[in-house]
């Protein structure tokens, strides 16, 4: 009965040397789907796994080199991303991917790659990105337009350069993988809302891929204390995430989102809306 062994097919397509057709290398890249026999835990497999892994790395490196020489940056980027999947701790590959993303005009993707690099290195090595990655990141920062944006039909905000720099500092830290909460405080009418809207305009204008959810409230409206939070949680960007929450958190959110309330909880009925109204007005 005819058969094909994927390991043999990979090795045949991945032969080293400049004479190997690029199509063969691409086929080898498609054939390599991960380590050999991952379900088995036998020592004799380790040398074979390592050899195949190293060969796959060489294939991707050669594809990156050839596509770069041919000026085919999208193909070089794809090969570099495959290489990173094989070598997730190699900083030079992060730097290469970021540069290719910048070359193709995708600044948001370059920022995300940098954030991934920061996260992975911190988790696996308790280290920060080195000079190669930082150099490309500085290039990314230099190419960004960090001027305060003006939404269509809105007058520009004047005299808020210092505050805008502080807002951008928090956003840059978040885009690099850190968690940040930005609180804008001050007297009524000084432009707090305008500054927050400017940040959303900045984020949604292509500088970063973002799913935003926004809400607002005014004292004169007389809404309940948590009404803005409930409105915020009803936004599509957050609604899609609620089903994946643990039951404990869904139970807590049911106080604001009645549609999450089951018939009865383990500890009894959830507070009714009337009880919630009473408690929030009393606070």
C-alpha atoms as a PDB file:
ATOM      1  CA  UNK A   1       0.000   0.000   0.000  1.00  0.00           C
ATOM      2  CA  UNK A   2       1.464   3.393  -0.980  1.00  0.00           C
ATOM      3  CA  UNK A   3       2.325   5.709   1.903  1.00  0.00           C
ATOM      4  CA  UNK A   4       4.204   8.912   2.631  1.00  0.00           C
ATOM      5  CA  UNK A   5       6.298   9.655   5.714  1.00  0.00           C
ATOM      6  CA  UNK A   6       6.156  13.342   6.578  1.00  0.00           C
ATOM      7  CA  UNK A   7       9.584  13.291   8.268  1.00  0.00           C
ATOM      8  CA  UNK A   8      11.214  11.893   5.129  1.00  0.00           C
ATOM      9  CA  UNK A   9       9.334  14.361   2.931  1.00  0.00           C
ATOM     10  CA  UNK A  10      10.476  17.244   5.160  1.00  0.00           C
ATOM     11  CA  UNK A  11      14.100  16.148   5.124  1.00  0.00           C
ATOM     12  CA  UNK A  12      14.051  15.739   1.354  1.00  0.00           C
ATOM     13  CA  UNK A  13      12.591  19.207   0.813  1.00  0.00           C
ATOM     14  CA  UNK A  14      14.852  20.874   3.379  1.00  0.00           C
ATOM     15  CA  UNK A  15      18.194  19.946   1.865  1.00  0.00           C
ATOM     16  CA  UNK A  16      20.719  22.690   2.523  1.00  0.00           C
ATOM     17  CA  UNK A  17      22.608  24.616  -0.130  1.00  0.00           C
ATOM     18  CA  UNK A  18      22.002  27.528  -2.479  1.00  0.00           C
ATOM     19  CA  UNK A  19      20.852  25.167  -5.227  1.00  0.00           C
ATOM     20  CA  UNK A  20      17.705  24.149  -3.337  1.00  0.00           C
ATOM     21  CA  UNK A  21      14.662  25.750  -5.015  1.00  0.00           C
ATOM     22  CA  UNK A  22      12.734  28.189  -2.852  1.00  0.00           C
ATOM     23  CA  UNK A  23       9.569  26.196  -3.567  1.00  0.00           C
ATOM     24  CA  UNK A  24      11.155  23.161  -1.869  1.00  0.00           C
ATOM     25  CA  UNK A  25      12.029  25.226   1.175  1.00  0.00           C
ATOM     26  CA  UNK A  26       8.463  26.553   1.334  1.00  0.00           C
ATOM     27  CA  UNK A  27       7.182  22.987   1.176  1.00  0.00           C
ATOM     28  CA  UNK A  28       9.531  21.995   3.992  1.00  0.00           C
ATOM     29  CA  UNK A  29       8.268  24.930   6.053  1.00  0.00           C
ATOM     30  CA  UNK A  30       4.685  23.761   5.567  1.00  0.00           C
ATOM     31  CA  UNK A  31       5.537  20.152   6.413  1.00  0.00           C
ATOM     32  CA  UNK A  32       7.150  20.916   9.755  1.00  0.00           C
ATOM     33  CA  UNK A  33       4.250  21.101  12.212  1.00  0.00           C
ATOM     34  CA  UNK A  34       6.105  20.775  15.522  1.00  0.00           C
ATOM     35  CA  UNK A  35       8.294  18.389  17.422  1.00  0.00           C
ATOM     36  CA  UNK A  36       8.506  14.718  16.481  1.00  0.00           C
ATOM     37  CA  UNK A  37       5.956  12.449  18.204  1.00  0.00           C
ATOM     38  CA  UNK A  38       5.039  14.973  20.922  1.00  0.00           C
ATOM     39  CA  UNK A  39       2.854  12.480  22.786  1.00  0.00           C
ATOM     40  CA  UNK A  40       5.818  10.212  23.556  1.00  0.00           C
ATOM     41  CA  UNK A  41       8.250  10.841  26.398  1.00  0.00           C
ATOM     42  CA  UNK A  42      11.276   8.712  25.482  1.00  0.00           C
ATOM     43  CA  UNK A  43      14.879   9.878  25.743  1.00  0.00           C
ATOM     44  CA  UNK A  44      15.886   8.282  22.453  1.00  0.00           C
ATOM     45  CA  UNK A  45      13.581  10.740  20.637  1.00  0.00           C
ATOM     46  CA  UNK A  46      15.293  13.884  21.909  1.00  0.00           C
ATOM     47  CA  UNK A  47      18.284  13.890  19.482  1.00  0.00           C
ATOM     48  CA  UNK A  48      15.919  13.335  16.547  1.00  0.00           C
ATOM     49  CA  UNK A  49      13.565  16.085  17.736  1.00  0.00           C
ATOM     50  CA  UNK A  50      16.457  18.491  18.148  1.00  0.00           C
ATOM     51  CA  UNK A  51      17.885  17.671  14.717  1.00  0.00           C
ATOM     52  CA  UNK A  52      14.536  18.220  12.981  1.00  0.00           C
ATOM     53  CA  UNK A  53      13.909  21.417  14.929  1.00  0.00           C
ATOM     54  CA  UNK A  54      17.322  22.809  13.986  1.00  0.00           C
ATOM     55  CA  UNK A  55      16.728  21.897  10.354  1.00  0.00           C
ATOM     56  CA  UNK A  56      13.367  23.691  10.415  1.00  0.00           C
ATOM     57  CA  UNK A  57      15.049  26.772  11.883  1.00  0.00           C
ATOM     58  CA  UNK A  58      17.626  26.756   9.073  1.00  0.00           C
ATOM     59  CA  UNK A  59      14.835  26.514   6.506  1.00  0.00           C
ATOM     60  CA  UNK A  60      13.060  29.571   7.890  1.00  0.00           C
ATOM     61  CA  UNK A  61      16.299  31.533   8.183  1.00  0.00           C
ATOM     62  CA  UNK A  62      17.104  30.803   4.556  1.00  0.00           C
ATOM     63  CA  UNK A  63      13.602  31.786   3.448  1.00  0.00           C
ATOM     64  CA  UNK A  64      13.871  35.093   5.303  1.00  0.00           C
ATOM     65  CA  UNK A  65      17.254  35.756   3.661  1.00  0.00           C
ATOM     66  CA  UNK A  66      16.036  34.927   0.148  1.00  0.00           C
ATOM     67  CA  UNK A  67      12.838  36.931   0.400  1.00  0.00           C
ATOM     68  CA  UNK A  68      14.737  39.911   1.794  1.00  0.00           C
ATOM     69  CA  UNK A  69      17.220  39.734  -1.075  1.00  0.00           C
ATOM     70  CA  UNK A  70      14.332  39.590  -3.527  1.00  0.00           C
ATOM     71  CA  UNK A  71      12.597  42.571  -1.919  1.00  0.00           C
ATOM     72  CA  UNK A  72       9.588  40.418  -1.013  1.00  0.00           C
ATOM     73  CA  UNK A  73       8.989  41.833   2.455  1.00  0.00           C
ATOM     74  CA  UNK A  74       5.536  40.291   3.087  1.00  0.00           C
ATOM     75  CA  UNK A  75       6.964  36.837   2.373  1.00  0.00           C
ATOM     76  CA  UNK A  76      10.030  37.592   4.495  1.00  0.00           C
ATOM     77  CA  UNK A  77       7.724  38.663   7.320  1.00  0.00           C
ATOM     78  CA  UNK A  78       5.766  35.427   7.119  1.00  0.00           C
ATOM     79  CA  UNK A  79       8.960  33.375   7.258  1.00  0.00           C
ATOM     80  CA  UNK A  80      10.272  35.450  10.178  1.00  0.00           C
ATOM     81  CA  UNK A  81       7.045  34.893  12.090  1.00  0.00           C
ATOM     82  CA  UNK A  82       7.367  31.162  11.535  1.00  0.00           C
ATOM     83  CA  UNK A  83      10.935  31.373  12.760  1.00  0.00           C
ATOM     84  CA  UNK A  84       9.780  33.164  15.896  1.00  0.00           C
ATOM     85  CA  UNK A  85       7.270  30.387  16.565  1.00  0.00           C
ATOM     86  CA  UNK A  86      10.218  27.968  16.580  1.00  0.00           C
ATOM     87  CA  UNK A  87      12.552  30.264  18.552  1.00  0.00           C
ATOM     88  CA  UNK A  88      10.321  32.424  20.790  1.00  0.00           C
ATOM     89  CA  UNK A  89      13.245  33.719  22.883  1.00  0.00           C
ATOM     90  CA  UNK A  90      15.418  34.941  20.012  1.00  0.00           C
ATOM     91  CA  UNK A  91      15.506  38.720  20.269  1.00  0.00           C
ATOM     92  CA  UNK A  92      17.047  39.228  16.843  1.00  0.00           C
ATOM     93  CA  UNK A  93      13.922  37.727  15.266  1.00  0.00           C
ATOM     94  CA  UNK A  94      11.652  40.099  17.192  1.00  0.00           C
ATOM     95  CA  UNK A  95      13.750  42.999  15.933  1.00  0.00           C
ATOM     96  CA  UNK A  96      13.611  41.672  12.377  1.00  0.00           C
ATOM     97  CA  UNK A  97       9.842  41.239  12.475  1.00  0.00           C
ATOM     98  CA  UNK A  98       9.336  44.724  13.908  1.00  0.00           C
ATOM     99  CA  UNK A  99      11.496  46.242  11.180  1.00  0.00           C
ATOM    100  CA  UNK A 100       9.618  44.365   8.468  1.00  0.00           C
ATOM    101  CA  UNK A 101       6.309  45.508   9.918  1.00  0.00           C
ATOM    102  CA  UNK A 102       7.543  49.084   9.910  1.00  0.00           C
ATOM    103  CA  UNK A 103       8.735  48.678   6.317  1.00  0.00           C
ATOM    104  CA  UNK A 104       5.243  47.568   5.304  1.00  0.00           C
ATOM    105  CA  UNK A 105       3.675  50.509   7.152  1.00  0.00           C
ATOM    106  CA  UNK A 106       2.082  48.509   9.979  1.00  0.00           C
ATOM    107  CA  UNK A 107       3.147  50.483  13.053  1.00  0.00           C
ATOM    108  CA  UNK A 108       0.417  48.940  15.214  1.00  0.00           C
ATOM    109  CA  UNK A 109       1.694  45.420  14.491  1.00  0.00           C
ATOM    110  CA  UNK A 110       5.262  46.495  15.279  1.00  0.00           C
ATOM    111  CA  UNK A 111       4.111  47.856  18.646  1.00  0.00           C
ATOM    112  CA  UNK A 112       2.296  44.600  19.375  1.00  0.00           C
ATOM    113  CA  UNK A 113       5.396  42.579  18.489  1.00  0.00           C
ATOM    114  CA  UNK A 114       7.407  44.693  20.889  1.00  0.00           C
ATOM    115  CA  UNK A 115       4.819  44.126  23.606  1.00  0.00           C
ATOM    116  CA  UNK A 116       4.945  40.381  23.009  1.00  0.00           C
ATOM    117  CA  UNK A 117       8.741  40.454  23.228  1.00  0.00           C
ATOM    118  CA  UNK A 118       8.591  42.299  26.550  1.00  0.00           C
ATOM    119  CA  UNK A 119       6.031  39.854  27.951  1.00  0.00           C
ATOM    120  CA  UNK A 120       7.794  36.666  26.817  1.00  0.00           C
ATOM    121  CA  UNK A 121      11.258  37.710  27.942  1.00  0.00           C
ATOM    122  CA  UNK A 122       9.973  38.814  31.322  1.00  0.00           C
ATOM    123  CA  UNK A 123       8.008  35.601  31.874  1.00  0.00           C
ATOM    124  CA  UNK A 124      10.667  33.186  30.642  1.00  0.00           C
ATOM    125  CA  UNK A 125      13.950  34.904  31.464  1.00  0.00           C
ATOM    126  CA  UNK A 126      13.052  37.735  33.872  1.00  0.00           C
ATOM    127  CA  UNK A 127      14.800  39.994  31.383  1.00  0.00           C
ATOM    128  CA  UNK A 128      14.062  43.048  29.252  1.00  0.00           C
ATOM    129  CA  UNK A 129      14.615  43.398  25.491  1.00  0.00           C
ATOM    130  CA  UNK A 130      18.208  44.122  24.509  1.00  0.00           C
ATOM    131  CA  UNK A 131      19.735  46.746  22.289  1.00  0.00           C
ATOM    132  CA  UNK A 132      18.612  45.267  18.950  1.00  0.00           C
ATOM    133  CA  UNK A 133      14.920  45.295  19.851  1.00  0.00           C
ATOM    134  CA  UNK A 134      15.162  48.640  21.650  1.00  0.00           C
ATOM    135  CA  UNK A 135      16.784  50.243  18.615  1.00  0.00           C
ATOM    136  CA  UNK A 136      13.878  49.261  16.366  1.00  0.00           C
ATOM    137  CA  UNK A 137      11.396  50.330  19.041  1.00  0.00           C
ATOM    138  CA  UNK A 138      13.013  53.781  19.182  1.00  0.00           C
ATOM    139  CA  UNK A 139      12.676  53.916  15.404  1.00  0.00           C
ATOM    140  CA  UNK A 140       9.000  53.045  15.796  1.00  0.00           C
ATOM    141  CA  UNK A 141       8.502  55.791  18.359  1.00  0.00           C
ATOM    142  CA  UNK A 142      10.244  58.316  16.134  1.00  0.00           C
ATOM    143  CA  UNK A 143       7.963  57.506  13.209  1.00  0.00           C
ATOM    144  CA  UNK A 144       4.741  57.835  15.150  1.00  0.00           C
ATOM    145  CA  UNK A 145       2.749  61.037  14.975  1.00  0.00           C
ATOM    146  CA  UNK A 146       2.226  61.814  18.650  1.00  0.00           C
ATOM    147  CA  UNK A 147       0.603  65.189  18.150  1.00  0.00           C
ATOM    148  CA  UNK A 148      -2.672  65.754  19.906  1.00  0.00           C
ATOM    149  CA  UNK A 149      -5.378  64.733  17.410  1.00  0.00           C
ATOM    150  CA  UNK A 150      -8.433  66.832  16.711  1.00  0.00           C
ATOM    151  CA  UNK A 151     -11.642  64.850  16.028  1.00  0.00           C
ATOM    152  CA  UNK A 152     -13.679  65.994  13.050  1.00  0.00           C
ATOM    153  CA  UNK A 153     -15.884  68.955  13.902  1.00  0.00           C
ATOM    154  CA  UNK A 154     -14.170  69.642  17.246  1.00  0.00           C
ATOM    155  CA  UNK A 155     -12.006  72.639  18.042  1.00  0.00           C
ATOM    156  CA  UNK A 156      -8.358  71.786  18.832  1.00  0.00           C
ATOM    157  CA  UNK A 157      -7.310  71.550  22.474  1.00  0.00           C
ATOM    158  CA  UNK A 158      -4.862  74.319  23.266  1.00  0.00           C
ATOM    159  CA  UNK A 159      -2.371  74.402  26.124  1.00  0.00           C
ATOM    160  CA  UNK A 160      -2.492  70.725  27.083  1.00  0.00           C
ATOM    161  CA  UNK A 161       0.899  69.584  25.798  1.00  0.00           C
ATOM    162  CA  UNK A 162       2.120  68.535  29.250  1.00  0.00           C
ATOM    163  CA  UNK A 163      -1.042  66.554  30.004  1.00  0.00           C
ATOM    164  CA  UNK A 164      -0.952  64.965  26.551  1.00  0.00           C
ATOM    165  CA  UNK A 165       2.625  63.813  27.176  1.00  0.00           C
ATOM    166  CA  UNK A 166       1.500  62.184  30.427  1.00  0.00           C
ATOM    167  CA  UNK A 167      -1.400  60.470  28.675  1.00  0.00           C
ATOM    168  CA  UNK A 168       0.934  59.182  25.959  1.00  0.00           C
ATOM    169  CA  UNK A 169       3.403  57.884  28.555  1.00  0.00           C
ATOM    170  CA  UNK A 170       0.655  55.732  30.081  1.00  0.00           C
ATOM    171  CA  UNK A 171      -0.471  54.555  26.643  1.00  0.00           C
ATOM    172  CA  UNK A 172       3.077  53.635  25.598  1.00  0.00           C
ATOM    173  CA  UNK A 173       3.575  51.600  28.751  1.00  0.00           C
ATOM    174  CA  UNK A 174       0.314  49.757  28.052  1.00  0.00           C
ATOM    175  CA  UNK A 175       1.253  49.159  24.409  1.00  0.00           C
ATOM    176  CA  UNK A 176       4.515  47.617  25.635  1.00  0.00           C
ATOM    177  CA  UNK A 177       2.593  45.044  27.649  1.00  0.00           C
ATOM    178  CA  UNK A 178       2.199  46.710  31.049  1.00  0.00           C
ATOM    179  CA  UNK A 179      -1.183  47.161  32.724  1.00  0.00           C
ATOM    180  CA  UNK A 180      -2.182  50.772  33.165  1.00  0.00           C
ATOM    181  CA  UNK A 181      -5.197  52.696  34.453  1.00  0.00           C
ATOM    182  CA  UNK A 182      -5.392  56.361  33.549  1.00  0.00           C
ATOM    183  CA  UNK A 183      -7.359  58.680  35.837  1.00  0.00           C
ATOM    184  CA  UNK A 184      -7.959  62.252  34.673  1.00  0.00           C
ATOM    185  CA  UNK A 185      -9.155  64.565  37.449  1.00  0.00           C
ATOM    186  CA  UNK A 186      -9.815  68.290  37.735  1.00  0.00           C
ATOM    187  CA  UNK A 187     -12.433  70.981  37.913  1.00  0.00           C
ATOM    188  CA  UNK A 188     -15.436  70.909  35.613  1.00  0.00           C
ATOM    189  CA  UNK A 189     -14.938  72.463  32.207  1.00  0.00           C
ATOM    190  CA  UNK A 190     -11.133  72.259  31.962  1.00  0.00           C
ATOM    191  CA  UNK A 191     -11.106  69.677  29.145  1.00  0.00           C
ATOM    192  CA  UNK A 192     -10.891  66.281  30.884  1.00  0.00           C
ATOM    193  CA  UNK A 193     -13.400  64.646  28.540  1.00  0.00           C
ATOM    194  CA  UNK A 194     -11.718  66.192  25.505  1.00  0.00           C
ATOM    195  CA  UNK A 195      -8.359  64.773  26.592  1.00  0.00           C
ATOM    196  CA  UNK A 196      -9.819  61.286  27.082  1.00  0.00           C
ATOM    197  CA  UNK A 197     -11.532  61.466  23.676  1.00  0.00           C
ATOM    198  CA  UNK A 198      -8.247  62.535  22.106  1.00  0.00           C
ATOM    199  CA  UNK A 199      -6.582  59.382  23.448  1.00  0.00           C
ATOM    200  CA  UNK A 200      -9.337  57.213  21.990  1.00  0.00           C
ATOM    201  CA  UNK A 201      -9.036  59.020  18.655  1.00  0.00           C
ATOM    202  CA  UNK A 202      -5.285  58.450  18.756  1.00  0.00           C
ATOM    203  CA  UNK A 203      -5.625  54.734  19.539  1.00  0.00           C
ATOM    204  CA  UNK A 204      -8.391  54.071  17.024  1.00  0.00           C
ATOM    205  CA  UNK A 205      -6.741  55.986  14.171  1.00  0.00           C
ATOM    206  CA  UNK A 206      -4.393  53.097  13.370  1.00  0.00           C
ATOM    207  CA  UNK A 207      -1.654  53.512  15.956  1.00  0.00           C
ATOM    208  CA  UNK A 208      -2.798  50.319  17.671  1.00  0.00           C
ATOM    209  CA  UNK A 209      -5.447  47.674  17.170  1.00  0.00           C
ATOM    210  CA  UNK A 210      -7.971  48.376  19.877  1.00  0.00           C
ATOM    211  CA  UNK A 211     -11.423  47.300  20.943  1.00  0.00           C
ATOM    212  CA  UNK A 212     -12.874  50.271  22.763  1.00  0.00           C
ATOM    213  CA  UNK A 213     -15.891  50.521  25.016  1.00  0.00           C
ATOM    214  CA  UNK A 214     -16.955  53.902  26.264  1.00  0.00           C
ATOM    215  CA  UNK A 215     -19.668  55.391  28.415  1.00  0.00           C
ATOM    216  CA  UNK A 216     -20.334  58.704  30.136  1.00  0.00           C
ATOM    217  CA  UNK A 217     -22.564  60.212  32.814  1.00  0.00           C
ATOM    218  CA  UNK A 218     -23.587  63.609  34.106  1.00  0.00           C
ATOM    219  CA  UNK A 219     -24.679  64.505  37.616  1.00  0.00           C
ATOM    220  CA  UNK A 220     -27.866  66.133  36.336  1.00  0.00           C
ATOM    221  CA  UNK A 221     -29.030  62.899  34.699  1.00  0.00           C
ATOM    222  CA  UNK A 222     -29.741  61.275  38.081  1.00  0.00           C
ATOM    223  CA  UNK A 223     -28.561  57.809  37.040  1.00  0.00           C
ATOM    224  CA  UNK A 224     -27.784  55.136  39.599  1.00  0.00           C
ATOM    225  CA  UNK A 225     -24.262  55.008  40.924  1.00  0.00           C
ATOM    226  CA  UNK A 226     -23.257  52.045  38.747  1.00  0.00           C
ATOM    227  CA  UNK A 227     -25.326  52.901  35.679  1.00  0.00           C
ATOM    228  CA  UNK A 228     -22.270  54.019  33.625  1.00  0.00           C
ATOM    229  CA  UNK A 229     -20.520  50.741  34.468  1.00  0.00           C
ATOM    230  CA  UNK A 230     -23.572  48.758  33.390  1.00  0.00           C
ATOM    231  CA  UNK A 231     -23.759  50.711  30.138  1.00  0.00           C
ATOM    232  CA  UNK A 232     -20.038  50.150  29.613  1.00  0.00           C
ATOM    233  CA  UNK A 233     -20.424  46.387  30.097  1.00  0.00           C
ATOM    234  CA  UNK A 234     -23.194  46.319  27.505  1.00  0.00           C
ATOM    235  CA  UNK A 235     -20.824  47.541  24.779  1.00  0.00           C
ATOM    236  CA  UNK A 236     -20.055  44.908  22.090  1.00  0.00           C
ATOM    237  CA  UNK A 237     -16.320  45.024  22.798  1.00  0.00           C
ATOM    238  CA  UNK A 238     -16.945  43.696  26.317  1.00  0.00           C
ATOM    239  CA  UNK A 239     -20.114  41.671  25.798  1.00  0.00           C
ATOM    240  CA  UNK A 240     -18.224  39.054  23.807  1.00  0.00           C
ATOM    241  CA  UNK A 241     -15.932  38.436  26.787  1.00  0.00           C
ATOM    242  CA  UNK A 242     -18.566  37.994  29.492  1.00  0.00           C
ATOM    243  CA  UNK A 243     -19.533  34.432  28.583  1.00  0.00           C
ATOM    244  CA  UNK A 244     -15.984  33.266  29.251  1.00  0.00           C
ATOM    245  CA  UNK A 245     -15.888  34.565  32.821  1.00  0.00           C
ATOM    246  CA  UNK A 246     -15.925  32.198  35.767  1.00  0.00           C
ATOM    247  CA  UNK A 247     -19.281  31.674  37.467  1.00  0.00           C
ATOM    248  CA  UNK A 248     -18.180  33.685  40.504  1.00  0.00           C
ATOM    249  CA  UNK A 249     -17.537  36.792  38.423  1.00  0.00           C
ATOM    250  CA  UNK A 250     -20.695  36.306  36.396  1.00  0.00           C
ATOM    251  CA  UNK A 251     -22.601  36.220  39.677  1.00  0.00           C
ATOM    252  CA  UNK A 252     -21.080  39.529  40.704  1.00  0.00           C
ATOM    253  CA  UNK A 253     -21.767  41.124  37.335  1.00  0.00           C
ATOM    254  CA  UNK A 254     -25.366  39.921  37.469  1.00  0.00           C
ATOM    255  CA  UNK A 255     -25.964  42.710  39.984  1.00  0.00           C
ATOM    256  CA  UNK A 256     -25.426  45.146  37.103  1.00  0.00           C
ATOM    257  CA  UNK A 257     -26.433  42.911  34.175  1.00  0.00           C
ATOM    258  CA  UNK A 258     -29.674  41.087  35.059  1.00  0.00           C
ATOM    259  CA  UNK A 259     -29.408  38.941  31.928  1.00  0.00           C
ATOM    260  CA  UNK A 260     -26.502  37.096  33.566  1.00  0.00           C
ATOM    261  CA  UNK A 261     -28.624  36.141  36.604  1.00  0.00           C
ATOM    262  CA  UNK A 262     -29.425  32.404  36.831  1.00  0.00           C
ATOM    263  CA  UNK A 263     -32.713  31.211  38.335  1.00  0.00           C
ATOM    264  CA  UNK A 264     -31.049  30.802  41.715  1.00  0.00           C
ATOM    265  CA  UNK A 265     -27.457  30.933  42.899  1.00  0.00           C
ATOM    266  CA  UNK A 266     -25.822  28.495  45.262  1.00  0.00           C
ATOM    267  CA  UNK A 267     -26.287  30.950  48.138  1.00  0.00           C
ATOM    268  CA  UNK A 268     -29.846  32.056  47.302  1.00  0.00           C
ATOM    269  CA  UNK A 269     -31.459  34.645  45.098  1.00  0.00           C
ATOM    270  CA  UNK A 270     -29.437  37.490  43.690  1.00  0.00           C
ATOM    271  CA  UNK A 271     -30.403  40.975  44.832  1.00  0.00           C
ATOM    272  CA  UNK A 272     -33.317  42.298  42.851  1.00  0.00           C
ATOM    273  CA  UNK A 273     -33.084  45.527  40.917  1.00  0.00           C
ATOM    274  CA  UNK A 274     -35.232  47.226  43.533  1.00  0.00           C
ATOM    275  CA  UNK A 275     -32.790  46.217  46.272  1.00  0.00           C
ATOM    276  CA  UNK A 276     -29.920  47.400  44.103  1.00  0.00           C
ATOM    277  CA  UNK A 277     -31.655  50.745  43.596  1.00  0.00           C
ATOM    278  CA  UNK A 278     -32.094  51.147  47.322  1.00  0.00           C
ATOM    279  CA  UNK A 279     -28.512  50.241  48.144  1.00  0.00           C
ATOM    280  CA  UNK A 280     -26.964  52.479  45.499  1.00  0.00           C
ATOM    281  CA  UNK A 281     -29.066  55.477  46.472  1.00  0.00           C
ATOM    282  CA  UNK A 282     -28.119  54.995  50.104  1.00  0.00           C
ATOM    283  CA  UNK A 283     -24.366  55.124  49.411  1.00  0.00           C
END
